[in-house]
N, C-alpha and C. Protein backbone atom coordinates (compact mmCIF):
# COMPACT_ATOMS: atom_id res chain seq x y z
N MET A 1 22.57 -19.04 5.23
CA MET A 1 21.76 -18.20 5.88
C MET A 1 20.41 -18.52 5.03
N ARG A 2 19.48 -18.53 5.33
CA ARG A 2 17.83 -19.08 4.91
C ARG A 2 17.04 -17.66 4.20
N GLU A 3 17.11 -17.51 3.58
CA GLU A 3 15.92 -16.53 2.87
C GLU A 3 14.62 -16.94 2.75
N ILE A 4 13.56 -16.42 3.33
CA ILE A 4 12.10 -16.55 3.44
C ILE A 4 11.35 -15.08 2.25
N LEU A 5 11.17 -15.96 1.27
CA LEU A 5 10.61 -15.17 0.14
C LEU A 5 8.99 -14.84 0.70
N VAL A 6 8.95 -13.57 0.96
CA VAL A 6 7.89 -12.65 1.24
C VAL A 6 6.91 -11.94 -0.01
N HIS A 7 5.75 -11.89 0.09
CA HIS A 7 5.11 -11.51 -0.89
C HIS A 7 4.38 -10.78 -0.19
N TYR A 8 3.95 -9.21 -0.97
CA TYR A 8 3.00 -8.38 -0.50
C TYR A 8 2.34 -8.06 -1.57
N GLU A 9 1.07 -7.72 -1.47
CA GLU A 9 -0.22 -7.09 -2.39
C GLU A 9 -0.40 -5.69 -1.92
N LEU A 10 -0.10 -4.57 -2.51
CA LEU A 10 -0.33 -3.27 -2.44
C LEU A 10 -1.84 -3.03 -2.61
N VAL A 11 -2.71 -2.96 -1.87
CA VAL A 11 -4.08 -2.48 -2.20
C VAL A 11 -4.18 -1.04 -1.93
N PRO A 12 -5.07 -0.39 -2.82
CA PRO A 12 -5.29 0.94 -2.85
C PRO A 12 -6.64 1.47 -1.89
N VAL A 13 -5.79 2.09 -0.91
CA VAL A 13 -6.71 2.65 -0.27
C VAL A 13 -7.05 3.92 0.14
N VAL A 14 -7.84 4.58 -0.17
CA VAL A 14 -8.40 6.19 0.33
C VAL A 14 -8.62 6.74 1.60
N GLU A 15 -7.30 7.09 2.40
CA GLU A 15 -7.37 6.89 3.84
C GLU A 15 -8.26 8.64 4.10
N LEU A 16 -7.96 9.64 3.48
CA LEU A 16 -7.98 10.84 3.00
C LEU A 16 -9.19 11.66 2.49
N ARG A 17 -10.37 11.53 2.49
CA ARG A 17 -11.05 12.25 2.01
C ARG A 17 -11.02 13.39 1.24
N GLY A 18 -11.77 14.25 0.48
CA GLY A 18 -11.23 15.36 0.04
C GLY A 18 -11.06 15.52 -1.70
N ASP A 19 -10.45 16.56 -2.16
CA ASP A 19 -10.18 16.40 -3.88
C ASP A 19 -9.15 16.57 -4.19
N GLY A 20 -8.21 16.01 -3.16
CA GLY A 20 -6.66 16.26 -3.72
C GLY A 20 -6.06 17.17 -3.45
N GLY A 21 -6.61 17.84 -2.84
CA GLY A 21 -6.16 19.73 -1.94
C GLY A 21 -6.14 20.48 -2.67
N ASN A 22 -7.11 20.42 -4.08
CA ASN A 22 -6.89 21.06 -5.48
C ASN A 22 -5.78 21.06 -6.32
N GLU A 23 -5.00 19.65 -5.69
CA GLU A 23 -3.58 19.54 -6.66
C GLU A 23 -3.80 18.71 -7.74
N ARG A 24 -3.96 19.48 -9.11
CA ARG A 24 -3.86 18.57 -10.23
C ARG A 24 -2.50 18.53 -11.21
N ILE A 25 -2.33 17.62 -11.83
CA ILE A 25 -0.91 17.11 -11.72
C ILE A 25 -1.40 15.87 -13.27
N THR A 26 -1.09 16.26 -14.23
CA THR A 26 -0.89 14.80 -15.07
C THR A 26 -0.16 13.49 -14.42
N PRO A 27 -0.92 12.63 -14.84
CA PRO A 27 -0.23 11.26 -14.27
C PRO A 27 0.63 11.15 -15.38
N GLY A 28 2.06 10.77 -14.38
CA GLY A 28 3.36 10.34 -14.78
C GLY A 28 4.26 10.46 -13.76
N LEU A 29 5.45 10.44 -14.29
CA LEU A 29 6.61 10.53 -12.97
C LEU A 29 7.19 11.64 -13.02
N TYR A 30 7.84 12.20 -11.98
CA TYR A 30 8.10 13.63 -11.62
C TYR A 30 9.35 13.04 -10.63
N ILE A 31 10.30 13.76 -11.41
CA ILE A 31 11.91 13.82 -10.23
C ILE A 31 11.27 15.09 -9.30
N VAL A 32 11.49 15.01 -8.21
CA VAL A 32 11.24 15.85 -6.85
C VAL A 32 12.62 16.26 -6.24
N THR A 33 13.01 17.38 -6.83
CA THR A 33 14.27 18.11 -6.25
C THR A 33 14.17 18.85 -4.97
N VAL A 34 13.39 18.99 -4.05
CA VAL A 34 13.09 20.03 -3.09
C VAL A 34 14.17 19.04 -1.27
N LYS A 35 14.33 19.99 -0.58
CA LYS A 35 14.99 19.17 0.14
C LYS A 35 14.09 17.79 0.98
N ASN A 36 12.79 18.41 1.00
CA ASN A 36 11.97 17.68 1.98
C ASN A 36 10.57 17.36 0.93
N ALA A 37 11.01 16.30 0.48
CA ALA A 37 9.60 15.86 -0.51
C ALA A 37 8.23 15.46 0.47
N VAL A 38 8.50 15.48 1.72
CA VAL A 38 6.95 14.54 2.77
C VAL A 38 5.82 16.13 2.31
N PRO A 39 6.12 17.30 2.63
CA PRO A 39 5.00 18.13 2.29
C PRO A 39 4.55 17.84 1.43
N LEU A 40 5.38 17.79 0.23
CA LEU A 40 4.45 17.65 -1.60
C LEU A 40 3.67 16.78 -1.45
N LEU A 41 4.28 15.53 -0.73
CA LEU A 41 3.69 14.13 -0.86
C LEU A 41 2.21 14.71 0.26
N LYS A 42 1.92 15.33 0.90
CA LYS A 42 1.06 15.60 1.71
C LYS A 42 -0.33 16.32 1.20
N ARG A 43 0.15 17.08 0.17
CA ARG A 43 -0.83 18.10 -1.12
C ARG A 43 -1.16 17.20 -1.33
N PHE A 44 -0.77 16.04 -2.16
CA PHE A 44 -1.25 14.81 -3.16
C PHE A 44 -2.36 13.39 -2.34
N LEU A 45 -2.39 14.01 -1.07
CA LEU A 45 -2.98 12.65 -0.38
C LEU A 45 -4.48 12.40 -0.48
N ALA A 46 -5.43 13.90 -0.21
CA ALA A 46 -6.61 13.64 0.03
C ALA A 46 -6.96 13.47 -1.16
N GLY A 47 -8.20 12.18 -1.22
CA GLY A 47 -9.02 11.93 -2.23
C GLY A 47 -8.04 10.97 -2.91
N ARG A 48 -7.04 10.32 -2.51
CA ARG A 48 -5.97 9.77 -3.83
C ARG A 48 -5.75 8.16 -3.17
N ALA A 49 -6.17 7.24 -3.80
CA ALA A 49 -5.01 6.08 -2.84
C ALA A 49 -3.49 6.58 -3.56
N VAL A 50 -2.92 5.66 -1.97
CA VAL A 50 -1.28 5.97 -1.99
C VAL A 50 -0.63 4.70 -1.74
N ALA A 51 0.87 4.74 -2.24
CA ALA A 51 1.66 3.68 -1.92
C ALA A 51 2.64 4.46 -1.67
N ILE A 52 3.58 4.30 -1.08
CA ILE A 52 5.06 4.34 -0.20
C ILE A 52 5.70 3.45 -0.08
N ILE A 53 6.89 3.38 -0.66
CA ILE A 53 8.17 3.21 -1.11
C ILE A 53 9.17 3.90 -0.50
N SER A 54 10.26 3.58 0.59
CA SER A 54 11.08 4.53 1.13
C SER A 54 12.32 3.67 1.77
N ARG A 55 13.27 4.42 1.79
CA ARG A 55 14.29 3.88 2.73
C ARG A 55 13.69 4.28 4.21
N THR A 56 13.21 4.84 4.47
CA THR A 56 12.87 5.40 5.85
C THR A 56 11.36 4.61 6.56
N PRO A 57 12.28 4.04 7.70
CA PRO A 57 11.01 2.99 7.93
C PRO A 57 9.66 3.47 8.22
N PRO A 58 8.49 2.41 8.12
CA PRO A 58 7.04 3.03 7.58
C PRO A 58 6.68 3.64 8.92
N GLU A 59 7.13 3.89 9.86
CA GLU A 59 6.24 4.15 11.30
C GLU A 59 6.31 5.80 11.06
N PHE A 60 7.87 6.15 10.28
CA PHE A 60 7.84 7.44 10.43
C PHE A 60 6.22 8.43 9.21
N PHE A 61 5.97 7.34 8.18
CA PHE A 61 5.05 8.46 7.27
C PHE A 61 3.77 8.07 8.28
N ARG A 62 3.37 6.67 8.85
CA ARG A 62 2.18 6.33 9.85
C ARG A 62 1.76 7.88 10.93
N THR A 63 2.97 8.10 11.26
CA THR A 63 2.80 9.45 12.22
C THR A 63 2.71 10.47 11.65
N THR A 64 4.20 10.45 10.52
CA THR A 64 3.84 12.01 10.31
C THR A 64 2.64 12.39 9.12
N LEU A 65 2.57 11.16 8.58
CA LEU A 65 0.73 11.65 7.28
C LEU A 65 -0.22 11.20 8.18
N GLY A 66 -0.35 10.41 9.34
CA GLY A 66 -1.39 10.01 10.02
C GLY A 66 -2.56 8.93 9.11
N ILE A 67 -1.57 7.81 8.64
CA ILE A 67 -2.19 6.81 7.92
C ILE A 67 -2.05 5.75 8.53
N GLU A 68 -2.69 4.86 8.43
CA GLU A 68 -3.02 3.22 8.91
C GLU A 68 -2.87 2.59 8.09
N LYS A 69 -3.83 2.62 7.14
CA LYS A 69 -4.31 1.29 5.98
C LYS A 69 -3.18 1.81 4.86
N THR A 70 -2.70 2.93 4.37
CA THR A 70 -2.04 2.58 3.27
C THR A 70 -0.83 2.07 3.06
N PRO A 71 -0.42 1.42 2.03
CA PRO A 71 0.71 0.45 2.14
C PRO A 71 2.17 1.38 2.04
N VAL A 72 2.91 0.91 2.77
CA VAL A 72 4.31 1.40 2.96
C VAL A 72 5.22 0.83 3.41
N ILE A 73 6.30 0.10 2.27
CA ILE A 73 7.08 -0.68 1.83
C ILE A 73 8.51 0.26 2.64
N TRP A 74 9.65 -0.22 3.02
CA TRP A 74 10.61 -0.11 3.51
C TRP A 74 11.62 -1.07 2.45
N LEU A 75 12.88 0.09 1.75
CA LEU A 75 13.57 -0.15 1.16
C LEU A 75 14.62 -0.67 1.95
N THR A 76 15.47 -1.87 2.09
CA THR A 76 16.27 -2.16 3.11
C THR A 76 16.68 -3.36 2.73
N SER A 77 18.23 -3.76 2.84
CA SER A 77 18.63 -5.06 2.72
C SER A 77 18.32 -6.03 4.30
N VAL A 78 17.61 -5.25 4.95
CA VAL A 78 17.43 -6.20 6.56
C VAL A 78 15.73 -6.67 6.48
N GLY A 79 15.34 -8.30 6.02
CA GLY A 79 14.21 -8.43 6.08
C GLY A 79 13.57 -8.35 7.25
N GLY A 80 12.04 -8.54 7.17
CA GLY A 80 11.06 -8.43 7.98
C GLY A 80 9.64 -7.71 7.31
N LYS A 81 8.77 -7.11 8.46
CA LYS A 81 7.47 -6.80 7.61
C LYS A 81 7.84 -5.74 6.85
N ASP A 82 6.85 -5.93 5.66
CA ASP A 82 6.88 -4.67 5.32
C ASP A 82 8.62 -3.94 4.49
N THR A 83 9.07 -4.89 4.09
CA THR A 83 9.86 -4.56 3.58
C THR A 83 10.08 -4.87 2.28
N VAL A 84 11.39 -4.27 1.28
CA VAL A 84 11.84 -5.05 -0.21
C VAL A 84 13.09 -5.00 0.13
N HIS A 85 13.64 -5.49 -0.49
CA HIS A 85 15.22 -5.78 -0.50
C HIS A 85 15.47 -4.93 -1.84
N PRO A 86 16.59 -4.05 -1.67
CA PRO A 86 16.81 -3.25 -2.94
C PRO A 86 17.26 -3.74 -4.09
N ARG A 87 17.66 -4.97 -3.95
CA ARG A 87 17.72 -5.36 -5.64
C ARG A 87 16.70 -6.33 -5.91
N ARG A 88 15.96 -6.50 -5.33
CA ARG A 88 14.76 -6.82 -6.55
C ARG A 88 14.01 -6.00 -7.20
N LEU A 89 14.77 -5.58 -7.93
CA LEU A 89 13.79 -4.65 -8.68
C LEU A 89 12.41 -4.83 -9.58
N GLU A 90 12.79 -6.12 -10.19
CA GLU A 90 11.62 -6.97 -10.66
C GLU A 90 10.29 -6.95 -9.75
N TYR A 91 10.59 -7.74 -8.61
CA TYR A 91 9.60 -7.55 -7.77
C TYR A 91 8.23 -6.20 -7.29
N LEU A 92 9.75 -5.61 -7.12
CA LEU A 92 9.33 -3.79 -6.73
C LEU A 92 8.27 -3.48 -7.87
N THR A 93 8.93 -3.54 -9.21
CA THR A 93 7.89 -3.26 -10.62
C THR A 93 6.70 -4.16 -10.84
N HIS A 94 7.06 -5.34 -10.38
CA HIS A 94 5.57 -6.05 -10.03
C HIS A 94 4.60 -5.68 -9.04
N LEU A 95 4.34 -5.23 -7.67
CA LEU A 95 4.07 -4.66 -6.95
C LEU A 95 3.19 -3.41 -7.24
N LEU A 96 4.48 -2.42 -7.99
CA LEU A 96 3.70 -1.28 -8.30
C LEU A 96 2.67 -1.19 -9.31
N VAL A 97 3.05 -1.60 -10.87
CA VAL A 97 2.51 -2.14 -11.34
C VAL A 97 1.07 -2.43 -11.16
N GLN A 98 0.96 -3.78 -10.27
CA GLN A 98 -0.62 -4.37 -9.87
C GLN A 98 -0.84 -3.00 -9.03
N PHE A 99 -0.48 -2.31 -8.51
CA PHE A 99 -1.03 -1.51 -7.35
C PHE A 99 -1.57 -0.44 -8.57
N MET A 100 -0.80 0.26 -9.48
CA MET A 100 -1.57 1.27 -10.77
C MET A 100 -2.63 0.48 -11.81
N ARG A 101 -2.65 -0.94 -11.45
CA ARG A 101 -3.77 -1.34 -12.55
C ARG A 101 -5.00 -1.67 -11.42
N LYS A 102 -5.20 -1.59 -10.31
CA LYS A 102 -6.13 -2.21 -9.19
C LYS A 102 -7.10 -1.71 -9.61
N SER A 103 -7.15 0.44 -9.88
CA SER A 103 -8.28 1.02 -9.31
C SER A 103 -8.26 1.71 -10.91
N GLU A 104 -9.59 2.32 -10.86
CA GLU A 104 -9.32 3.78 -12.21
C GLU A 104 -8.98 4.86 -11.61
N ALA A 105 -8.95 4.71 -10.14
CA ALA A 105 -9.13 6.10 -9.71
C ALA A 105 -7.85 6.74 -9.75
N GLU A 106 -7.66 7.89 -9.21
CA GLU A 106 -6.54 8.90 -9.30
C GLU A 106 -5.60 8.07 -7.80
N LYS A 107 -4.23 7.97 -8.54
CA LYS A 107 -3.33 7.30 -7.49
C LYS A 107 -1.98 7.66 -6.96
N VAL A 108 -1.75 7.53 -6.13
CA VAL A 108 -0.18 8.50 -6.03
C VAL A 108 1.16 7.65 -5.16
N ILE A 109 2.20 7.32 -5.89
CA ILE A 109 2.96 6.72 -5.32
C ILE A 109 4.34 7.57 -5.03
N TYR A 110 4.83 7.24 -4.23
CA TYR A 110 5.76 8.30 -3.30
C TYR A 110 7.30 7.16 -3.80
N LEU A 111 8.08 7.41 -4.33
CA LEU A 111 8.92 5.95 -4.11
C LEU A 111 10.36 6.96 -3.98
N ASP A 112 10.56 7.27 -2.94
CA ASP A 112 11.98 7.49 -1.94
C ASP A 112 13.15 6.49 -1.85
N GLY A 113 14.29 6.93 -2.26
CA GLY A 113 15.37 6.00 -2.34
C GLY A 113 16.00 5.52 -3.53
N VAL A 114 15.65 6.34 -4.31
CA VAL A 114 16.06 5.99 -5.80
C VAL A 114 17.93 5.54 -5.69
N GLU A 115 18.48 7.10 -5.08
CA GLU A 115 19.81 6.69 -5.17
C GLU A 115 20.30 5.64 -4.32
N TYR A 116 19.70 4.50 -3.30
CA TYR A 116 20.16 3.47 -3.03
C TYR A 116 19.90 2.44 -3.94
N LEU A 117 18.89 2.39 -4.19
CA LEU A 117 18.45 1.21 -6.03
C LEU A 117 19.65 1.81 -6.56
N MET A 118 20.13 2.52 -7.08
CA MET A 118 21.01 3.18 -8.26
C MET A 118 22.38 2.27 -7.11
N THR A 119 22.49 2.40 -5.92
CA THR A 119 23.77 2.04 -5.48
C THR A 119 23.57 0.63 -5.47
N GLU A 120 22.57 0.01 -5.71
CA GLU A 120 22.40 -1.41 -5.26
C GLU A 120 22.56 -2.02 -6.91
N ASN A 121 21.80 -1.29 -7.53
CA ASN A 121 21.69 -2.31 -8.90
C ASN A 121 22.42 -1.59 -10.05
N GLY A 122 22.65 -0.28 -9.99
CA GLY A 122 23.19 0.35 -11.20
C GLY A 122 22.75 1.50 -11.64
N PHE A 123 22.85 2.06 -12.33
CA PHE A 123 22.11 3.65 -12.56
C PHE A 123 21.21 2.93 -14.21
N ILE A 124 21.61 2.53 -15.30
CA ILE A 124 20.91 1.96 -16.25
C ILE A 124 19.97 0.88 -16.02
N PRO A 125 19.66 -0.32 -14.92
CA PRO A 125 18.66 -0.75 -14.71
C PRO A 125 17.27 0.16 -14.01
N VAL A 126 17.75 1.17 -13.14
CA VAL A 126 16.98 2.00 -12.13
C VAL A 126 16.07 2.43 -13.47
N PHE A 127 17.30 3.19 -14.04
CA PHE A 127 16.88 4.22 -15.52
C PHE A 127 15.15 3.73 -16.17
N LYS A 128 15.74 2.03 -16.05
CA LYS A 128 14.88 1.56 -16.89
C LYS A 128 13.50 1.26 -15.97
N PHE A 129 14.03 1.03 -14.80
CA PHE A 129 12.63 0.50 -14.06
C PHE A 129 11.85 1.81 -13.44
N LEU A 130 12.75 3.07 -13.96
CA LEU A 130 11.60 4.33 -13.81
C LEU A 130 10.90 4.62 -14.71
N ALA A 131 11.45 4.56 -16.31
CA ALA A 131 10.68 4.55 -17.47
C ALA A 131 9.20 3.81 -17.75
N TYR A 132 10.02 2.74 -17.00
CA TYR A 132 8.69 1.41 -16.86
C TYR A 132 7.53 1.77 -16.53
N LEU A 133 7.73 2.27 -15.20
CA LEU A 133 6.83 2.54 -14.52
C LEU A 133 6.26 4.02 -14.88
N LYS A 134 6.80 5.01 -15.42
CA LYS A 134 6.01 6.19 -16.09
C LYS A 134 5.12 5.74 -17.05
N ASP A 135 5.42 4.55 -17.77
CA ASP A 135 4.19 4.51 -19.07
C ASP A 135 2.99 3.76 -18.15
N HIS A 136 2.94 3.29 -17.23
CA HIS A 136 2.12 2.50 -16.60
C HIS A 136 1.31 3.62 -15.54
N ALA A 137 2.34 4.43 -14.94
CA ALA A 137 1.45 5.44 -14.26
C ALA A 137 0.44 6.16 -15.56
N VAL A 138 1.57 6.77 -16.75
CA VAL A 138 0.50 7.54 -17.67
C VAL A 138 -1.09 6.63 -18.11
N MET A 139 -0.79 5.76 -18.52
CA MET A 139 -1.87 4.89 -18.42
C MET A 139 -3.02 3.99 -17.54
N ASN A 140 -2.53 4.47 -16.20
CA ASN A 140 -3.51 3.85 -14.95
C ASN A 140 -3.59 5.22 -14.36
N ASN A 141 -3.51 6.23 -14.38
CA ASN A 141 -3.95 7.87 -13.84
C ASN A 141 -3.47 7.33 -12.10
N THR A 142 -1.94 7.48 -12.67
CA THR A 142 -1.39 7.50 -11.60
C THR A 142 -0.22 8.42 -11.31
N ILE A 143 0.20 9.10 -10.17
CA ILE A 143 1.16 10.12 -10.43
C ILE A 143 2.48 9.49 -9.45
N ILE A 144 3.72 9.46 -9.68
CA ILE A 144 4.62 8.96 -9.28
C ILE A 144 5.70 10.16 -8.74
N LEU A 145 5.78 9.91 -7.70
CA LEU A 145 6.57 11.16 -7.02
C LEU A 145 7.95 10.42 -6.52
N VAL A 146 9.25 11.12 -6.98
CA VAL A 146 10.52 10.47 -6.90
C VAL A 146 11.22 11.20 -6.18
N PRO A 147 11.85 11.35 -5.02
CA PRO A 147 12.74 12.66 -4.46
C PRO A 147 13.98 12.34 -5.01
N ILE A 148 14.96 13.05 -5.82
CA ILE A 148 16.11 12.87 -5.53
C ILE A 148 16.93 14.03 -5.27
N ASP A 149 18.31 14.23 -4.72
CA ASP A 149 19.07 15.36 -4.24
C ASP A 149 19.61 15.18 -5.56
N PRO A 150 19.67 16.35 -6.78
CA PRO A 150 21.00 16.25 -7.92
C PRO A 150 22.49 15.86 -7.39
N LYS A 151 22.85 16.76 -6.08
CA LYS A 151 23.68 16.54 -5.99
C LYS A 151 24.56 14.89 -5.64
N SER A 152 23.35 13.93 -5.08
CA SER A 152 23.77 12.87 -4.93
C SER A 152 24.17 11.90 -6.35
N ILE A 153 23.70 12.16 -7.33
CA ILE A 153 24.03 11.56 -8.21
C ILE A 153 24.53 12.01 -9.44
N GLY A 154 25.90 11.77 -10.21
CA GLY A 154 26.50 12.17 -11.60
C GLY A 154 25.49 13.32 -12.01
N GLU A 155 26.30 14.20 -12.58
CA GLU A 155 25.63 15.41 -13.46
C GLU A 155 25.19 14.71 -14.83
N ARG A 156 25.93 13.86 -15.43
CA ARG A 156 25.02 12.91 -16.73
C ARG A 156 24.12 12.65 -16.29
N GLU A 157 23.73 11.52 -15.11
CA GLU A 157 22.69 10.54 -15.02
C GLU A 157 21.42 11.84 -14.21
N PHE A 158 21.50 12.87 -13.47
CA PHE A 158 20.58 13.32 -13.47
C PHE A 158 20.23 14.34 -14.68
N ARG A 159 21.18 14.71 -15.53
CA ARG A 159 20.54 15.37 -16.74
C ARG A 159 19.39 14.11 -17.62
N LEU A 160 19.60 12.68 -17.86
CA LEU A 160 19.22 11.69 -18.28
C LEU A 160 17.72 11.83 -17.63
N LEU A 161 17.82 11.91 -16.75
CA LEU A 161 17.01 11.57 -15.68
C LEU A 161 15.84 13.20 -15.90
N SER A 162 16.52 14.57 -16.13
CA SER A 162 15.52 15.45 -16.32
C SER A 162 15.08 15.01 -17.81
N ARG A 163 15.52 14.64 -18.43
CA ARG A 163 15.27 14.81 -20.08
C ARG A 163 14.16 13.83 -20.18
N GLU A 164 14.29 12.60 -19.38
CA GLU A 164 12.65 11.73 -19.25
C GLU A 164 11.49 11.84 -18.62
N PHE A 165 11.55 12.95 -17.51
CA PHE A 165 10.82 12.92 -16.57
C PHE A 165 10.90 14.27 -16.10
N GLU A 166 9.59 15.15 -16.06
CA GLU A 166 9.42 16.21 -15.18
C GLU A 166 9.98 16.40 -14.14
N THR A 167 10.66 17.80 -13.92
CA THR A 167 11.21 17.61 -12.61
C THR A 167 10.41 19.25 -11.71
N ILE A 168 9.92 18.59 -10.59
CA ILE A 168 9.48 19.54 -9.54
C ILE A 168 10.14 20.03 -8.46
N GLY A 169 10.11 21.06 -8.11
CA GLY A 169 11.32 21.59 -7.53
C GLY A 169 11.07 23.01 -7.01
N ASP A 170 12.14 23.26 -6.12
CA ASP A 170 12.14 24.56 -5.27
C ASP A 170 12.01 25.61 -6.58
N ASP A 171 12.66 25.95 -7.58
CA ASP A 171 12.37 26.90 -8.75
C ASP A 171 11.01 27.35 -9.31
């Protein structure tokens, strides 16, 4: 089996103009516990550069959010255009940190599929990955939204995540 190494560059693009929908939140990483986090993402789109990393194919976001230029990367073990293998945490880290550093403007990263990353890499490496991203988000005016179903991971793991990262949910 021959694997071709594909490199991406996430370029900050503000597609939807506006004031961010008046949604003000401190830069950092937030665990999102709502069943469908896409409406929450929509509230943060206007006036911000966005990058989307998800288990859902890019076309869903392009259609649902009406975006064309916003970078959308699909987490999948099947290679192809706009895909990243879930075991390439270091590469994903590099992509996201470079995205955050490219501009001082407000940015949003929607990082869906963390449970999948945990399945492929284990909890501790993914926890460290998220903590590292949080630190860069704080320093680079970025909001990272991470949808997680608390029932999809162990109670201990969810408590550790909740202790390190603020939670946005239904309550």
